[in-house]
Amino acid sequence: MPVLKKRDVNGNARSLAPAEELWAGGAVAAPGSEPVQSPGVPGWLPVCGNERCRTSWLKLWRRRLTPRFEGAWACSPRCLEEMLRAAMAREAPTQTEEMAPGEAHQHRVPLGLMLYSQGVITQEQLRTALDAQRQAAEHGQPARRIGRWLIQQQSLTEVQLARALSAQWNCPLYSAERLEVKQAAPLLPRLLVESCGVLPLRRTGSGRLLVAYEDRLDHCVNLALERMHRRPVEAGVMPSSEFRSARAELIQARFPKLRLIEVANRSVMVRAMVRRIEDFQPLDAALVRIHEYFWLRMWRTIDRHPESAEDLLAVESDFR
């Protein structure tokens, strides 16, 4: 095809791209290869998000523009299933993540020793709390952290404990005044707020997500929030009474619609998610794992507006 010439405002001749190159949505395709799609520009043949897709020639007869999963288009339910399997393999638990909460971060300075070294409590108060903790364990009573025993014997206040935890975890100390219910409710499903001991607070002006914990930070939750919302998370601790009051207020708020399923294995889980995504036809969707839960969120808008979101939580019946 001849190359066309056009005079610009300065009178200089410039070449126009051949028509074949324009079919690729603004991107130049090599001769004899499949046209390339530019991001955000409709192309002659859209690119399937499944790396092993081998049905490019069928795309001419496929008029579906959705569903999209993690920013990529799925040309068929079979390709969507392959994309979900890859995402689920990526989210598979590691040995570190499966470690029991009490076994993690043993390298941190023990809280009682930190309080004693700072002069907040005396050696006698620390010894009394440790003895009470040991005796309770010997009698089969529920485990309680040393800070709770110190509060019970009136050697420590909730605010002092929260400050000590903030220093131990090297994180901010939050107050319940930080809670913005309308911003916090769409950040995490209600079930995970209740079961993971986490309190989403708000989005900051710079886009960071603030979340609070009562006793210890959960890095699995923090990482999942960062990946789901594509925003950095700043986690901190909050005094117990404030934390519980704020969480009770948040739980009463309106959360995105949620479906909970329990399946026998991950193959069944993938097929169930494929069916739900095909029914919902989202403009975007994402999958992350929080402990035993696989959290799938779908959006009806390309900008991931919270009002358009719907959640699906899936758990294996034989996870543990």
Protein backbone atom coordinates (compact mmCIF):
# COMPACT_ATOMS: atom_id res chain seq x y z
CA MET A 1 0.00 0.00 0.00
CA PRO A 2 1.44 3.42 -0.85
CA VAL A 3 2.48 5.67 1.95
CA LEU A 4 0.43 8.88 2.01
CA LYS A 5 1.97 12.29 2.49
CA LYS A 6 0.48 15.27 4.25
CA ARG A 7 1.74 18.77 4.83
CA ASP A 8 1.94 19.89 8.43
CA VAL A 9 1.48 23.44 9.67
CA ASN A 10 5.11 24.25 8.78
CA GLY A 11 4.72 23.07 5.21
CA ASN A 12 6.90 19.99 5.72
CA ALA A 13 5.83 16.66 4.30
CA ARG A 14 5.25 13.84 6.76
CA SER A 15 4.25 10.21 6.24
CA LEU A 16 0.99 8.71 7.41
CA ALA A 17 1.06 5.16 8.71
CA PRO A 18 -0.27 2.53 6.32
CA ALA A 19 -3.84 1.45 6.95
CA GLU A 20 -2.73 -2.00 8.06
CA GLU A 21 -0.92 -0.52 11.05
CA LEU A 22 -4.00 1.40 12.18
CA TRP A 23 -6.00 -1.80 12.61
CA ALA A 24 -3.77 -2.65 15.56
CA GLY A 25 -5.34 0.09 17.66
CA GLY A 26 -2.44 2.48 17.22
CA ALA A 27 0.37 -0.05 17.70
CA VAL A 28 2.55 -1.22 14.82
CA ALA A 29 2.42 -4.91 14.02
CA ALA A 30 5.23 -6.81 12.39
CA PRO A 31 4.45 -8.13 8.89
CA GLY A 32 2.73 -11.50 9.03
CA SER A 33 2.13 -11.34 12.81
CA GLU A 34 -1.03 -10.82 14.82
CA PRO A 35 -1.86 -7.14 15.34
CA VAL A 36 -0.81 -5.73 18.69
CA GLN A 37 -3.33 -4.04 20.94
CA SER A 38 -2.35 -0.82 22.65
CA PRO A 39 -3.43 -0.52 26.31
CA GLY A 40 -6.86 1.04 26.58
CA VAL A 41 -7.37 1.20 22.77
CA PRO A 42 -9.69 -1.30 21.06
CA GLY A 43 -7.73 -3.45 18.66
CA TRP A 44 -8.61 -5.59 15.67
CA LEU A 45 -7.96 -8.72 17.73
CA PRO A 46 -8.02 -8.15 21.49
CA VAL A 47 -5.39 -10.01 23.47
CA CYS A 48 -6.59 -12.80 25.77
CA GLY A 49 -5.16 -12.78 29.29
CA ASN A 50 -4.50 -16.53 29.15
CA GLU A 51 -0.90 -16.96 28.01
CA ARG A 52 -1.70 -20.40 26.64
CA CYS A 53 -4.72 -19.29 24.60
CA ARG A 54 -4.61 -20.86 21.12
CA THR A 55 -7.91 -19.62 19.69
CA SER A 56 -6.87 -16.26 18.25
CA TRP A 57 -8.64 -16.88 14.94
CA LEU A 58 -11.96 -17.44 16.75
CA LYS A 59 -11.84 -13.94 18.25
CA LEU A 60 -13.23 -12.57 14.98
CA TRP A 61 -16.56 -14.22 15.82
CA ARG A 62 -16.54 -13.46 19.57
CA ARG A 63 -18.31 -10.27 20.49
CA ARG A 64 -17.80 -10.53 24.25
CA LEU A 65 -15.86 -7.69 25.84
CA THR A 66 -16.14 -9.12 29.34
CA PRO A 67 -15.33 -10.64 31.73
CA ARG A 68 -12.01 -9.10 32.67
CA PHE A 69 -9.86 -10.59 35.41
CA GLU A 70 -6.96 -8.69 36.99
CA GLY A 71 -6.89 -6.23 34.13
CA ALA A 72 -6.93 -8.83 31.36
CA TRP A 73 -9.71 -10.02 29.05
CA ALA A 74 -10.82 -13.65 29.03
CA CYS A 75 -11.88 -14.69 25.53
CA SER A 76 -13.73 -17.80 26.74
CA PRO A 77 -14.75 -19.61 29.94
CA ARG A 78 -11.92 -22.07 29.35
CA CYS A 79 -9.33 -19.29 29.23
CA LEU A 80 -10.90 -17.67 32.30
CA GLU A 81 -10.48 -20.97 34.14
CA GLU A 82 -6.80 -21.09 33.18
CA MET A 83 -6.33 -17.51 34.41
CA LEU A 84 -8.00 -18.34 37.72
CA ARG A 85 -5.90 -21.46 38.18
CA ALA A 86 -2.73 -19.42 37.68
CA ALA A 87 -3.90 -16.80 40.16
CA MET A 88 -4.81 -19.45 42.72
CA ALA A 89 -1.41 -21.12 42.34
CA ARG A 90 0.18 -17.72 42.92
CA GLU A 91 -1.84 -17.33 46.11
CA ALA A 92 -1.01 -20.83 47.40
CA PRO A 93 0.07 -20.77 51.07
CA THR A 94 3.73 -20.81 51.95
CA GLN A 95 5.26 -22.37 55.03
CA THR A 96 5.80 -18.95 56.60
CA GLU A 97 2.23 -17.83 56.00
CA GLU A 98 0.82 -21.04 57.43
CA MET A 99 2.74 -20.58 60.66
CA ALA A 100 0.50 -20.29 63.69
CA PRO A 101 0.13 -16.69 64.91
CA GLY A 102 1.83 -17.47 68.21
CA GLU A 103 4.86 -18.89 66.41
CA ALA A 104 5.53 -15.85 64.23
CA HIS A 105 7.94 -13.05 65.01
CA GLN A 106 9.63 -14.73 67.98
CA HIS A 107 12.61 -12.45 67.39
CA ARG A 108 10.71 -9.45 68.78
CA VAL A 109 11.52 -8.18 72.27
CA PRO A 110 8.99 -9.74 74.68
CA LEU A 111 6.37 -7.20 75.67
CA GLY A 112 6.80 -7.73 79.41
CA LEU A 113 10.55 -7.21 79.18
CA MET A 114 10.05 -4.06 77.10
CA LEU A 115 7.62 -2.60 79.65
CA TYR A 116 9.98 -3.43 82.49
CA SER A 117 13.01 -1.93 80.73
CA GLN A 118 11.05 1.27 80.09
CA GLY A 119 10.08 1.52 83.76
CA VAL A 120 6.37 1.19 83.04
CA ILE A 121 6.05 -1.85 85.35
CA THR A 122 8.17 -3.25 88.16
CA GLN A 123 9.91 -6.59 88.29
CA GLU A 124 7.41 -7.81 90.88
CA GLN A 125 4.44 -6.83 88.71
CA LEU A 126 5.96 -8.65 85.75
CA ARG A 127 6.66 -11.77 87.83
CA THR A 128 3.10 -11.79 89.19
CA ALA A 129 1.62 -11.54 85.70
CA LEU A 130 3.88 -14.31 84.36
CA ASP A 131 2.92 -16.60 87.25
CA ALA A 132 -0.77 -15.98 86.63
CA GLN A 133 -0.31 -16.68 82.92
CA ARG A 134 1.49 -19.95 83.63
CA GLN A 135 -1.06 -21.15 86.19
CA ALA A 136 -3.93 -20.42 83.82
CA ALA A 137 -2.25 -22.50 81.11
CA GLU A 138 -1.72 -25.39 83.55
CA HIS A 139 -5.44 -25.39 84.37
CA GLY A 140 -6.43 -25.43 80.70
CA GLN A 141 -7.82 -21.90 80.65
CA PRO A 142 -7.86 -19.92 77.38
CA ALA A 143 -4.51 -18.35 76.58
CA ARG A 144 -4.15 -14.66 77.34
CA ARG A 145 -1.29 -12.36 76.46
CA ILE A 146 0.89 -10.90 79.18
CA GLY A 147 -0.50 -7.42 78.57
CA ARG A 148 -4.01 -8.59 79.49
CA TRP A 149 -2.77 -10.02 82.77
CA LEU A 150 -1.00 -6.75 83.58
CA ILE A 151 -4.20 -4.80 82.90
CA GLN A 152 -6.23 -7.22 85.03
CA GLN A 153 -3.92 -6.73 88.01
CA GLN A 154 -4.08 -2.94 87.40
CA SER A 155 -0.38 -2.67 86.67
CA LEU A 156 -1.01 -1.24 83.21
CA THR A 157 -3.62 0.82 81.34
CA GLU A 158 -4.98 0.11 77.87
CA VAL A 159 -3.27 3.18 76.45
CA GLN A 160 0.08 2.17 77.96
CA LEU A 161 -0.31 -1.30 76.49
CA ALA A 162 -1.18 0.10 73.05
CA ARG A 163 1.86 2.38 73.14
CA ALA A 164 4.08 -0.55 74.06
CA LEU A 165 2.63 -2.65 71.21
CA SER A 166 3.20 0.25 68.84
CA ALA A 167 6.85 0.33 69.85
CA GLN A 168 7.17 -3.46 69.68
CA TRP A 169 5.76 -3.62 66.15
CA ASN A 170 7.26 -0.31 65.05
CA CYS A 171 3.88 0.92 63.81
CA PRO A 172 1.55 3.90 64.40
CA LEU A 173 -0.84 4.20 67.33
CA TYR A 174 -4.36 4.95 66.05
CA SER A 175 -7.48 6.22 67.77
CA ALA A 176 -11.10 5.46 66.89
CA GLU A 177 -11.45 9.00 65.55
CA ARG A 178 -9.63 7.81 62.42
CA LEU A 179 -12.57 5.60 61.43
CA GLU A 180 -14.54 6.70 58.34
CA VAL A 181 -17.28 4.11 58.04
CA LYS A 182 -18.27 4.83 54.43
CA GLN A 183 -14.66 4.53 53.29
CA ALA A 184 -13.80 1.56 55.50
CA ALA A 185 -16.72 -0.77 54.76
CA PRO A 186 -15.86 -1.40 51.08
CA LEU A 187 -12.23 -2.24 51.87
CA LEU A 188 -12.80 -5.74 53.30
CA PRO A 189 -15.72 -8.20 53.56
CA ARG A 190 -17.56 -8.10 56.87
CA LEU A 191 -16.75 -11.76 57.54
CA LEU A 192 -13.01 -11.06 57.36
CA VAL A 193 -13.33 -7.99 59.58
CA GLU A 194 -14.90 -10.21 62.23
CA SER A 195 -12.67 -13.26 61.86
CA CYS A 196 -9.24 -11.68 61.26
CA GLY A 197 -9.24 -9.13 64.08
CA VAL A 198 -8.65 -6.23 61.70
CA LEU A 199 -10.30 -2.82 61.53
CA PRO A 200 -10.14 -0.93 58.21
CA LEU A 201 -10.19 2.78 59.00
CA ARG A 202 -10.07 4.94 55.88
CA ARG A 203 -8.23 6.07 52.76
CA THR A 204 -5.86 8.96 53.20
CA GLY A 205 -5.54 11.86 50.81
CA SER A 206 -2.39 10.29 49.40
CA GLY A 207 -4.21 7.00 48.72
CA ARG A 208 -2.83 4.93 51.62
CA LEU A 209 -5.15 2.51 53.42
CA LEU A 210 -5.15 2.77 57.21
CA VAL A 211 -5.95 -0.41 59.17
CA ALA A 212 -5.80 -1.08 62.90
CA TYR A 213 -5.30 -4.13 65.09
CA GLU A 214 -5.90 -4.77 68.75
CA ASP A 215 -2.88 -6.91 69.68
CA ARG A 216 -0.66 -7.79 66.74
CA LEU A 217 -0.38 -6.97 63.07
CA ASP A 218 -1.46 -9.53 60.49
CA HIS A 219 0.85 -9.18 57.49
CA CYS A 220 -1.20 -11.66 55.46
CA VAL A 221 -4.21 -9.32 55.68
CA ASN A 222 -2.07 -6.26 54.94
CA LEU A 223 -0.55 -7.81 51.82
CA ALA A 224 -3.95 -8.95 50.56
CA LEU A 225 -5.39 -5.45 50.98
CA GLU A 226 -2.46 -3.92 49.13
CA ARG A 227 -2.84 -6.31 46.21
CA MET A 228 -6.63 -6.08 46.06
CA HIS A 229 -6.84 -2.28 46.16
CA ARG A 230 -3.45 -1.48 44.57
CA ARG A 231 -2.72 0.88 47.45
CA PRO A 232 -0.07 0.83 50.19
CA VAL A 233 -1.31 -0.17 53.63
CA GLU A 234 -0.24 1.54 56.83
CA ALA A 235 -1.13 -0.74 59.72
CA GLY A 236 -1.13 0.24 63.38
CA VAL A 237 -2.55 -0.70 66.76
CA MET A 238 -5.43 0.77 68.74
CA PRO A 239 -6.39 0.57 72.45
CA SER A 240 -8.70 -2.40 73.03
CA SER A 241 -11.83 -0.56 74.14
CA GLU A 242 -11.62 1.87 71.22
CA PHE A 243 -10.89 -0.95 68.78
CA ARG A 244 -13.90 -3.02 69.85
CA SER A 245 -16.25 -0.05 69.88
CA ALA A 246 -15.12 1.10 66.43
CA ARG A 247 -15.34 -2.39 64.96
CA ALA A 248 -18.88 -2.83 66.33
CA GLU A 249 -19.82 0.42 64.60
CA LEU A 250 -18.23 -0.65 61.34
CA ILE A 251 -19.90 -4.06 61.30
CA GLN A 252 -23.31 -2.35 61.27
CA ALA A 253 -22.41 -0.52 58.05
CA ARG A 254 -23.31 -1.54 54.52
CA PHE A 255 -20.70 -3.82 52.94
CA PRO A 256 -20.49 -5.09 49.34
CA LYS A 257 -22.68 -8.08 48.62
CA LEU A 258 -20.99 -11.31 49.71
CA ARG A 259 -21.31 -14.96 48.76
CA LEU A 260 -19.60 -17.63 50.86
CA ILE A 261 -18.94 -21.09 49.46
CA GLU A 262 -17.27 -24.16 50.94
CA VAL A 263 -15.79 -26.61 48.48
CA ALA A 264 -14.01 -29.95 48.60
CA ASN A 265 -10.87 -28.87 46.74
CA ARG A 266 -9.40 -26.07 44.68
CA SER A 267 -10.45 -27.51 41.33
CA VAL A 268 -14.08 -27.26 42.42
CA MET A 269 -13.35 -23.78 43.76
CA VAL A 270 -12.00 -22.61 40.39
CA ARG A 271 -15.03 -23.91 38.51
CA ALA A 272 -17.39 -22.21 40.98
CA MET A 273 -15.55 -18.92 40.53
CA VAL A 274 -15.67 -19.25 36.74
CA ARG A 275 -19.44 -19.71 36.85
CA ARG A 276 -19.88 -16.69 39.10
CA ILE A 277 -17.64 -14.46 37.00
CA GLU A 278 -19.39 -15.54 33.79
CA ASP A 279 -22.75 -14.65 35.38
CA PHE A 280 -21.53 -11.32 36.76
CA GLN A 281 -19.50 -10.27 33.68
CA PRO A 282 -17.25 -7.82 35.59
CA LEU A 283 -15.22 -5.08 33.97
CA ASP A 284 -12.49 -6.06 36.41
CA ALA A 285 -11.92 -8.68 39.10
CA ALA A 286 -9.12 -9.73 41.43
CA LEU A 287 -8.25 -12.71 43.60
CA VAL A 288 -6.22 -12.75 46.84
CA ARG A 289 -5.90 -15.17 49.74
CA ILE A 290 -6.30 -14.31 53.43
CA HIS A 291 -5.38 -17.34 55.54
CA GLU A 292 -7.87 -20.08 54.61
CA TYR A 293 -10.10 -17.80 52.53
CA PHE A 294 -9.78 -17.08 48.82
CA TRP A 295 -11.31 -13.64 48.29
CA LEU A 296 -12.64 -12.83 44.83
CA ARG A 297 -13.89 -9.31 44.22
CA MET A 298 -15.69 -8.24 41.05
CA TRP A 299 -16.49 -4.74 39.82
CA ARG A 300 -19.06 -3.62 37.26
CA THR A 301 -17.10 -0.43 36.55
CA ILE A 302 -13.62 -0.12 35.07
CA ASP A 303 -12.60 2.34 37.79
CA ARG A 304 -13.46 -0.23 40.51
CA HIS A 305 -16.10 1.92 42.16
CA PRO A 306 -17.03 0.45 45.58
CA GLU A 307 -20.76 0.66 44.85
CA SER A 308 -20.30 -1.70 41.90
CA ALA A 309 -18.39 -4.38 43.84
CA GLU A 310 -19.45 -7.88 44.80
CA ASP A 311 -17.41 -10.38 46.83
CA LEU A 312 -17.07 -14.12 46.87
CA LEU A 313 -15.25 -15.93 49.67
CA ALA A 314 -14.27 -19.54 49.10
CA VAL A 315 -12.78 -21.97 51.59
CA GLU A 316 -11.78 -25.61 51.34
CA SER A 317 -13.64 -27.88 53.73
CA ASP A 318 -10.42 -29.84 54.45
CA PHE A 319 -8.10 -26.80 54.63
CA ARG A 320 -6.88 -27.74 58.13
